[in-house]
C-alpha atoms as a PDB file:
ATOM      1  CA  MET A   1     -27.864  48.662 -61.585  1.00  0.00           C
ATOM      2  CA  SER A   2     -24.626  46.695 -62.027  1.00  0.00           C
ATOM      3  CA  SER A   3     -24.039  48.491 -65.321  1.00  0.00           C
ATOM      4  CA  TRP A   4     -23.412  51.625 -63.250  1.00  0.00           C
ATOM      5  CA  VAL A   5     -22.275  50.425 -59.806  1.00  0.00           C
ATOM      6  CA  LEU A   6     -19.487  48.096 -60.888  1.00  0.00           C
ATOM      7  CA  PRO A   7     -18.071  50.527 -63.485  1.00  0.00           C
ATOM      8  CA  ALA A   8     -18.190  53.280 -60.861  1.00  0.00           C
ATOM      9  CA  PHE A   9     -16.173  51.193 -58.395  1.00  0.00           C
ATOM     10  CA  LEU A  10     -13.797  50.107 -61.153  1.00  0.00           C
ATOM     11  CA  GLY A  11     -13.432  53.736 -62.209  1.00  0.00           C
ATOM     12  CA  LEU A  12     -12.755  54.778 -58.621  1.00  0.00           C
ATOM     13  CA  GLY A  13      -9.940  52.260 -58.318  1.00  0.00           C
ATOM     14  CA  LEU A  14      -8.370  53.232 -61.628  1.00  0.00           C
ATOM     15  CA  ALA A  15      -8.635  56.937 -60.828  1.00  0.00           C
ATOM     16  CA  ALA A  16      -7.092  56.509 -57.379  1.00  0.00           C
ATOM     17  CA  ALA A  17      -4.197  54.626 -58.987  1.00  0.00           C
ATOM     18  CA  CYS A  18      -3.811  57.531 -61.438  1.00  0.00           C
ATOM     19  CA  GLY A  19      -3.321  59.741 -58.401  1.00  0.00           C
ATOM     20  CA  PHE A  20      -0.122  57.805 -57.692  1.00  0.00           C
ATOM     21  CA  ARG A  21       0.976  57.269 -61.302  1.00  0.00           C
ATOM     22  CA  ALA A  22      -0.731  58.946 -64.245  1.00  0.00           C
ATOM     23  CA  PHE A  23       0.328  56.487 -66.945  1.00  0.00           C
ATOM     24  CA  LEU A  24       0.774  53.103 -65.235  1.00  0.00           C
ATOM     25  CA  PRO A  25      -2.979  52.534 -64.619  1.00  0.00           C
ATOM     26  CA  LEU A  26      -3.784  53.514 -68.210  1.00  0.00           C
ATOM     27  CA  LEU A  27      -1.054  51.144 -69.400  1.00  0.00           C
ATOM     28  CA  LEU A  28      -2.482  48.256 -67.367  1.00  0.00           C
ATOM     29  CA  LEU A  29      -5.981  49.078 -68.619  1.00  0.00           C
ATOM     30  CA  SER A  30      -4.688  49.205 -72.189  1.00  0.00           C
ATOM     31  CA  ALA A  31      -2.934  45.847 -71.805  1.00  0.00           C
ATOM     32  CA  ALA A  32      -6.017  44.222 -70.254  1.00  0.00           C
ATOM     33  CA  VAL A  33      -8.217  45.347 -73.137  1.00  0.00           C
ATOM     34  CA  HIS A  34      -5.630  44.692 -75.855  1.00  0.00           C
ATOM     35  CA  PHE A  35      -4.979  41.107 -74.720  1.00  0.00           C
ATOM     36  CA  GLY A  36      -8.553  40.354 -73.653  1.00  0.00           C
ATOM     37  CA  VAL A  37      -7.789  39.856 -69.964  1.00  0.00           C
ATOM     38  CA  LEU A  38     -10.809  39.397 -67.652  1.00  0.00           C
ATOM     39  CA  GLY A  39     -13.182  40.149 -70.533  1.00  0.00           C
ATOM     40  CA  LEU A  40     -12.869  43.872 -69.865  1.00  0.00           C
ATOM     41  CA  ASN A  41     -14.585  46.087 -72.447  1.00  0.00           C
ATOM     42  CA  LEU A  42     -14.471  49.849 -72.835  1.00  0.00           C
ATOM     43  CA  ASN A  43     -16.936  52.479 -73.924  1.00  0.00           C
ATOM     44  CA  GLU A  44     -16.864  52.833 -77.701  1.00  0.00           C
ATOM     45  CA  SER A  45     -15.399  56.347 -77.555  1.00  0.00           C
ATOM     46  CA  TYR A  46     -12.439  55.054 -75.525  1.00  0.00           C
ATOM     47  CA  ALA A  47     -11.656  52.029 -77.696  1.00  0.00           C
ATOM     48  CA  TRP A  48      -8.353  53.651 -78.679  1.00  0.00           C
ATOM     49  CA  ILE A  49      -6.976  52.807 -75.226  1.00  0.00           C
ATOM     50  CA  GLY A  50      -6.741  49.160 -76.227  1.00  0.00           C
ATOM     51  CA  SER A  51      -4.974  49.844 -79.524  1.00  0.00           C
ATOM     52  CA  THR A  52      -1.401  48.771 -80.220  1.00  0.00           C
ATOM     53  CA  GLY A  53      -0.308  52.383 -80.633  1.00  0.00           C
ATOM     54  CA  ALA A  54      -1.740  53.368 -77.255  1.00  0.00           C
ATOM     55  CA  LEU A  55      -0.140  50.328 -75.615  1.00  0.00           C
ATOM     56  CA  ILE A  56       3.300  51.292 -76.937  1.00  0.00           C
ATOM     57  CA  ALA A  57       2.943  54.991 -76.124  1.00  0.00           C
ATOM     58  CA  LEU A  58       1.671  54.297 -72.603  1.00  0.00           C
ATOM     59  CA  SER A  59       4.485  51.795 -72.017  1.00  0.00           C
ATOM     60  CA  MET A  60       7.079  54.456 -72.799  1.00  0.00           C
ATOM     61  CA  ALA A  61       5.297  57.146 -70.805  1.00  0.00           C
ATOM     62  CA  ALA A  62       4.909  54.870 -67.769  1.00  0.00           C
ATOM     63  CA  ALA A  63       8.575  53.848 -67.923  1.00  0.00           C
ATOM     64  CA  VAL A  64       9.741  57.470 -68.064  1.00  0.00           C
ATOM     65  CA  GLU A  65       7.408  58.444 -65.228  1.00  0.00           C
ATOM     66  CA  MET A  66       8.479  55.579 -62.957  1.00  0.00           C
ATOM     67  CA  LEU A  67      12.201  55.976 -63.612  1.00  0.00           C
ATOM     68  CA  GLY A  68      12.074  59.758 -63.284  1.00  0.00           C
ATOM     69  CA  ASP A  69      10.342  59.409 -59.942  1.00  0.00           C
ATOM     70  CA  LEU A  70      13.452  57.686 -58.555  1.00  0.00           C
ATOM     71  CA  ILE A  71      15.680  60.699 -59.280  1.00  0.00           C
ATOM     72  CA  PRO A  72      16.033  63.359 -56.540  1.00  0.00           C
ATOM     73  CA  PHE A  73      14.396  66.738 -57.251  1.00  0.00           C
ATOM     74  CA  ILE A  74      12.789  65.336 -60.406  1.00  0.00           C
ATOM     75  CA  ASP A  75      10.565  63.191 -58.205  1.00  0.00           C
ATOM     76  CA  ASN A  76       9.159  66.245 -56.409  1.00  0.00           C
ATOM     77  CA  ALA A  77       8.581  68.012 -59.729  1.00  0.00           C
ATOM     78  CA  LEU A  78       6.734  64.960 -61.081  1.00  0.00           C
ATOM     79  CA  SER A  79       4.668  64.819 -57.902  1.00  0.00           C
ATOM     80  CA  ILE A  80       3.521  68.421 -58.423  1.00  0.00           C
ATOM     81  CA  ILE A  81       2.869  67.869 -62.141  1.00  0.00           C
ATOM     82  CA  GLY A  82       0.871  64.792 -61.165  1.00  0.00           C
ATOM     83  CA  ASN A  83      -1.718  67.070 -59.570  1.00  0.00           C
ATOM     84  CA  VAL A  84      -2.648  67.995 -63.150  1.00  0.00           C
ATOM     85  CA  THR A  85      -1.881  64.854 -65.162  1.00  0.00           C
ATOM     86  CA  GLY A  86      -3.336  62.517 -62.538  1.00  0.00           C
ATOM     87  CA  PRO A  87      -6.894  63.901 -62.603  1.00  0.00           C
ATOM     88  CA  ILE A  88      -6.852  64.012 -66.421  1.00  0.00           C
ATOM     89  CA  ALA A  89      -5.722  60.382 -66.587  1.00  0.00           C
ATOM     90  CA  GLY A  90      -8.208  59.476 -63.843  1.00  0.00           C
ATOM     91  CA  ALA A  91     -11.106  61.036 -65.763  1.00  0.00           C
ATOM     92  CA  ILE A  92     -10.096  59.148 -68.917  1.00  0.00           C
ATOM     93  CA  ALA A  93      -9.672  55.828 -67.117  1.00  0.00           C
ATOM     94  CA  ALA A  94     -12.921  56.140 -65.164  1.00  0.00           C
ATOM     95  CA  GLY A  95     -14.972  57.264 -68.148  1.00  0.00           C
ATOM     96  CA  SER A  96     -13.676  54.469 -70.344  1.00  0.00           C
ATOM     97  CA  VAL A  97     -15.125  51.669 -68.200  1.00  0.00           C
ATOM     98  CA  PHE A  98     -18.742  52.863 -68.473  1.00  0.00           C
ATOM     99  CA  GLU A  99     -19.219  50.498 -71.390  1.00  0.00           C
ATOM    100  CA  ALA A 100     -23.011  50.687 -71.577  1.00  0.00           C
ATOM    101  CA  ALA A 101     -23.278  54.481 -71.438  1.00  0.00           C
ATOM    102  CA  ASP A 102     -23.350  56.777 -74.422  1.00  0.00           C
ATOM    103  CA  PRO A 103     -20.020  58.581 -75.042  1.00  0.00           C
ATOM    104  CA  ALA A 104     -21.141  61.919 -73.573  1.00  0.00           C
ATOM    105  CA  THR A 105     -22.499  60.312 -70.407  1.00  0.00           C
ATOM    106  CA  ALA A 106     -19.352  58.207 -70.044  1.00  0.00           C
ATOM    107  CA  ALA A 107     -17.182  61.324 -70.341  1.00  0.00           C
ATOM    108  CA  ILE A 108     -19.224  63.166 -67.715  1.00  0.00           C
ATOM    109  CA  ALA A 109     -19.146  60.138 -65.399  1.00  0.00           C
ATOM    110  CA  GLY A 110     -15.389  59.964 -65.860  1.00  0.00           C
ATOM    111  CA  ILE A 111     -14.992  63.604 -64.883  1.00  0.00           C
ATOM    112  CA  ILE A 112     -17.255  63.238 -61.846  1.00  0.00           C
ATOM    113  CA  VAL A 113     -15.839  59.922 -60.623  1.00  0.00           C
ATOM    114  CA  GLY A 114     -12.262  60.029 -61.856  1.00  0.00           C
ATOM    115  CA  GLY A 115     -11.124  63.634 -61.642  1.00  0.00           C
ATOM    116  CA  PRO A 116     -11.759  64.352 -57.931  1.00  0.00           C
ATOM    117  CA  THR A 117     -10.621  60.873 -56.866  1.00  0.00           C
ATOM    118  CA  ALA A 118      -7.315  61.110 -58.707  1.00  0.00           C
ATOM    119  CA  LEU A 119      -6.766  64.649 -57.418  1.00  0.00           C
ATOM    120  CA  ALA A 120      -7.390  63.557 -53.829  1.00  0.00           C
ATOM    121  CA  PHE A 121      -4.830  60.761 -54.023  1.00  0.00           C
ATOM    122  CA  SER A 122      -2.370  62.885 -55.988  1.00  0.00           C
ATOM    123  CA  ALA A 123      -2.565  65.561 -53.288  1.00  0.00           C
ATOM    124  CA  THR A 124      -2.089  62.870 -50.648  1.00  0.00           C
ATOM    125  CA  GLN A 125       0.946  61.574 -52.512  1.00  0.00           C
ATOM    126  CA  THR A 126       2.365  65.099 -52.727  1.00  0.00           C
ATOM    127  CA  GLY A 127       1.895  65.521 -48.972  1.00  0.00           C
ATOM    128  CA  VAL A 128       3.656  62.253 -48.185  1.00  0.00           C
ATOM    129  CA  ARG A 129       6.489  63.103 -50.576  1.00  0.00           C
ATOM    130  CA  ALA A 130       6.910  66.593 -49.092  1.00  0.00           C
ATOM    131  CA  ALA A 131       6.992  65.184 -45.556  1.00  0.00           C
ATOM    132  CA  SER A 132       9.533  62.562 -46.595  1.00  0.00           C
ATOM    133  CA  THR A 133      11.731  65.169 -48.264  1.00  0.00           C
ATOM    134  CA  ALA A 134      11.568  67.523 -45.284  1.00  0.00           C
ATOM    135  CA  THR A 135      12.398  64.882 -42.660  1.00  0.00           C
ATOM    136  CA  THR A 136      14.846  62.608 -44.509  1.00  0.00           C
ATOM    137  CA  ALA A 137      16.387  65.102 -46.972  1.00  0.00           C
ATOM    138  CA  GLY A 138      14.920  62.973 -49.769  1.00  0.00           C
ATOM    139  CA  ILE A 139      16.793  59.811 -48.764  1.00  0.00           C
ATOM    140  CA  ALA A 140      13.553  57.894 -48.219  1.00  0.00           C
ATOM    141  CA  ASN A 141      11.934  59.179 -51.415  1.00  0.00           C
ATOM    142  CA  PRO A 142      13.017  56.263 -53.665  1.00  0.00           C
ATOM    143  CA  VAL A 143      11.443  53.855 -51.179  1.00  0.00           C
ATOM    144  CA  VAL A 144       8.261  55.952 -51.155  1.00  0.00           C
ATOM    145  CA  SER A 145       8.321  55.915 -54.964  1.00  0.00           C
ATOM    146  CA  VAL A 146       8.511  52.122 -55.146  1.00  0.00           C
ATOM    147  CA  VAL A 147       5.672  51.832 -52.634  1.00  0.00           C
ATOM    148  CA  GLU A 148       3.577  54.147 -54.821  1.00  0.00           C
ATOM    149  CA  ASP A 149       4.315  52.000 -57.890  1.00  0.00           C
ATOM    150  CA  VAL A 150       3.167  48.900 -56.016  1.00  0.00           C
ATOM    151  CA  LEU A 151       0.047  50.643 -54.701  1.00  0.00           C
ATOM    152  CA  ALA A 152      -0.909  51.823 -58.193  1.00  0.00           C
ATOM    153  CA  PHE A 153      -0.504  48.298 -59.579  1.00  0.00           C
ATOM    154  CA  VAL A 154      -2.410  46.662 -56.710  1.00  0.00           C
ATOM    155  CA  LEU A 155      -5.268  49.175 -56.932  1.00  0.00           C
ATOM    156  CA  VAL A 156      -5.701  48.515 -60.659  1.00  0.00           C
ATOM    157  CA  ALA A 157      -5.611  44.752 -60.138  1.00  0.00           C
ATOM    158  CA  LEU A 158      -8.104  44.937 -57.266  1.00  0.00           C
ATOM    159  CA  ALA A 159     -10.410  47.230 -59.249  1.00  0.00           C
ATOM    160  CA  MET A 160     -10.436  44.812 -62.170  1.00  0.00           C
ATOM    161  CA  VAL A 161     -10.926  41.654 -60.110  1.00  0.00           C
ATOM    162  CA  LEU A 162     -12.896  42.757 -57.017  1.00  0.00           C
ATOM    163  CA  PRO A 163     -14.254  46.265 -57.663  1.00  0.00           C
ATOM    164  CA  LEU A 164     -16.693  46.098 -54.726  1.00  0.00           C
ATOM    165  CA  LEU A 165     -13.722  46.180 -52.327  1.00  0.00           C
ATOM    166  CA  ILE A 166     -12.375  49.424 -53.756  1.00  0.00           C
ATOM    167  CA  PRO A 167     -14.162  51.831 -51.342  1.00  0.00           C
ATOM    168  CA  ILE A 168     -12.746  49.906 -48.368  1.00  0.00           C
ATOM    169  CA  ALA A 169      -9.257  49.845 -49.873  1.00  0.00           C
ATOM    170  CA  LEU A 170      -9.314  53.572 -50.649  1.00  0.00           C
ATOM    171  CA  GLY A 171     -10.496  54.453 -47.152  1.00  0.00           C
ATOM    172  CA  ALA A 172      -7.715  52.352 -45.660  1.00  0.00           C
ATOM    173  CA  LEU A 173      -5.111  53.982 -47.906  1.00  0.00           C
ATOM    174  CA  LEU A 174      -6.178  57.505 -46.958  1.00  0.00           C
ATOM    175  CA  PHE A 175      -6.019  56.594 -43.272  1.00  0.00           C
ATOM    176  CA  ILE A 176      -2.555  55.050 -43.646  1.00  0.00           C
ATOM    177  CA  ALA A 177      -1.305  58.072 -45.613  1.00  0.00           C
ATOM    178  CA  TRP A 178      -2.574  60.377 -42.852  1.00  0.00           C
ATOM    179  CA  ARG A 179      -0.704  58.326 -40.238  1.00  0.00           C
ATOM    180  CA  VAL A 180       2.479  58.328 -42.322  1.00  0.00           C
ATOM    181  CA  VAL A 181       2.429  62.116 -42.764  1.00  0.00           C
ATOM    182  CA  ARG A 182       1.865  62.566 -39.023  1.00  0.00           C
ATOM    183  CA  ARG A 183       4.785  60.269 -38.242  1.00  0.00           C
ATOM    184  CA  PHE A 184       7.095  62.119 -40.631  1.00  0.00           C
ATOM    185  CA  ARG A 185       6.086  65.454 -39.110  1.00  0.00           C
ATOM    186  CA  ARG A 186       6.634  64.217 -35.563  1.00  0.00           C
ATOM    187  CA  ARG A 187      10.052  62.918 -36.563  1.00  0.00           C
ATOM    188  CA  GLY A 188      10.877  66.275 -38.131  1.00  0.00           C
ATOM    189  CA  THR A 189       9.740  68.125 -34.994  1.00  0.00           C
ATOM    190  CA  GLY A 190      11.789  65.817 -32.800  1.00  0.00           C
ATOM    191  CA  SER A 191      14.897  66.339 -34.926  1.00  0.00           C
ATOM    192  CA  ALA A 192      14.464  70.114 -34.786  1.00  0.00           C
ATOM    193  CA  ARG A 193      14.187  70.036 -30.995  1.00  0.00           C
ATOM    194  CA  SER A 194      17.300  67.879 -30.655  1.00  0.00           C
ATOM    195  CA  VAL A 195      19.255  70.378 -32.727  1.00  0.00           C
ATOM    196  CA  THR A 196      18.023  73.525 -30.957  1.00  0.00           C
ATOM    197  CA  ALA A 197      18.257  72.127 -27.404  1.00  0.00           C
ATOM    198  CA  PRO A 198      22.108  72.277 -27.138  1.00  0.00           C
ATOM    199  CA  VAL A 199      22.064  75.800 -28.545  1.00  0.00           C
ATOM    200  CA  SER A 200      19.600  76.914 -25.895  1.00  0.00           C
ATOM    201  CA  ARG A 201      21.666  75.386 -23.057  1.00  0.00           C
ATOM    202  CA  SER A 202      24.880  76.911 -24.342  1.00  0.00           C
ATOM    203  CA  GLY A 203      23.301  80.350 -24.259  1.00  0.00           C
END
């Protein structure tokens, strides 16, 4: 039972983190396996993730992704692209942790567990970013970006240490994201009314 439940929860956490950042969760997974942290082992078909080459490549990709996300306009483009790269990375990350499964089963489990989860959180991230851009003209986007970096890191750490808490954490994150988007939209509506009100009175 634990050979499926714990990997599924771990995969969920990694995939959700991939929804925020495609390469950072894979980098942290690669580092954990490469340096033997927490005794984490991967499915044999995903052993390449822990290789030195993968660690270097993922380090560069994660750095480019995180730095690019701090640049106006590029951040929105990366957010949209993340709707494709995130689910792919999520499927890879989730499938890799089904250590006891045969490669084909692990790949299918990764697609089922990782793909939809990463897509859901990537779409949520895109919604938050769009609301932030619309209401603050992108001024708040760097702050949102840093928060996403922290969330991705924390989700990976929690998934590796306490995977059973992942469903609770993901539910809380989705609820918070929903509240944030609503607040941004209300602020945008309020700003629009304050601008149009004087015009209406002057007419």
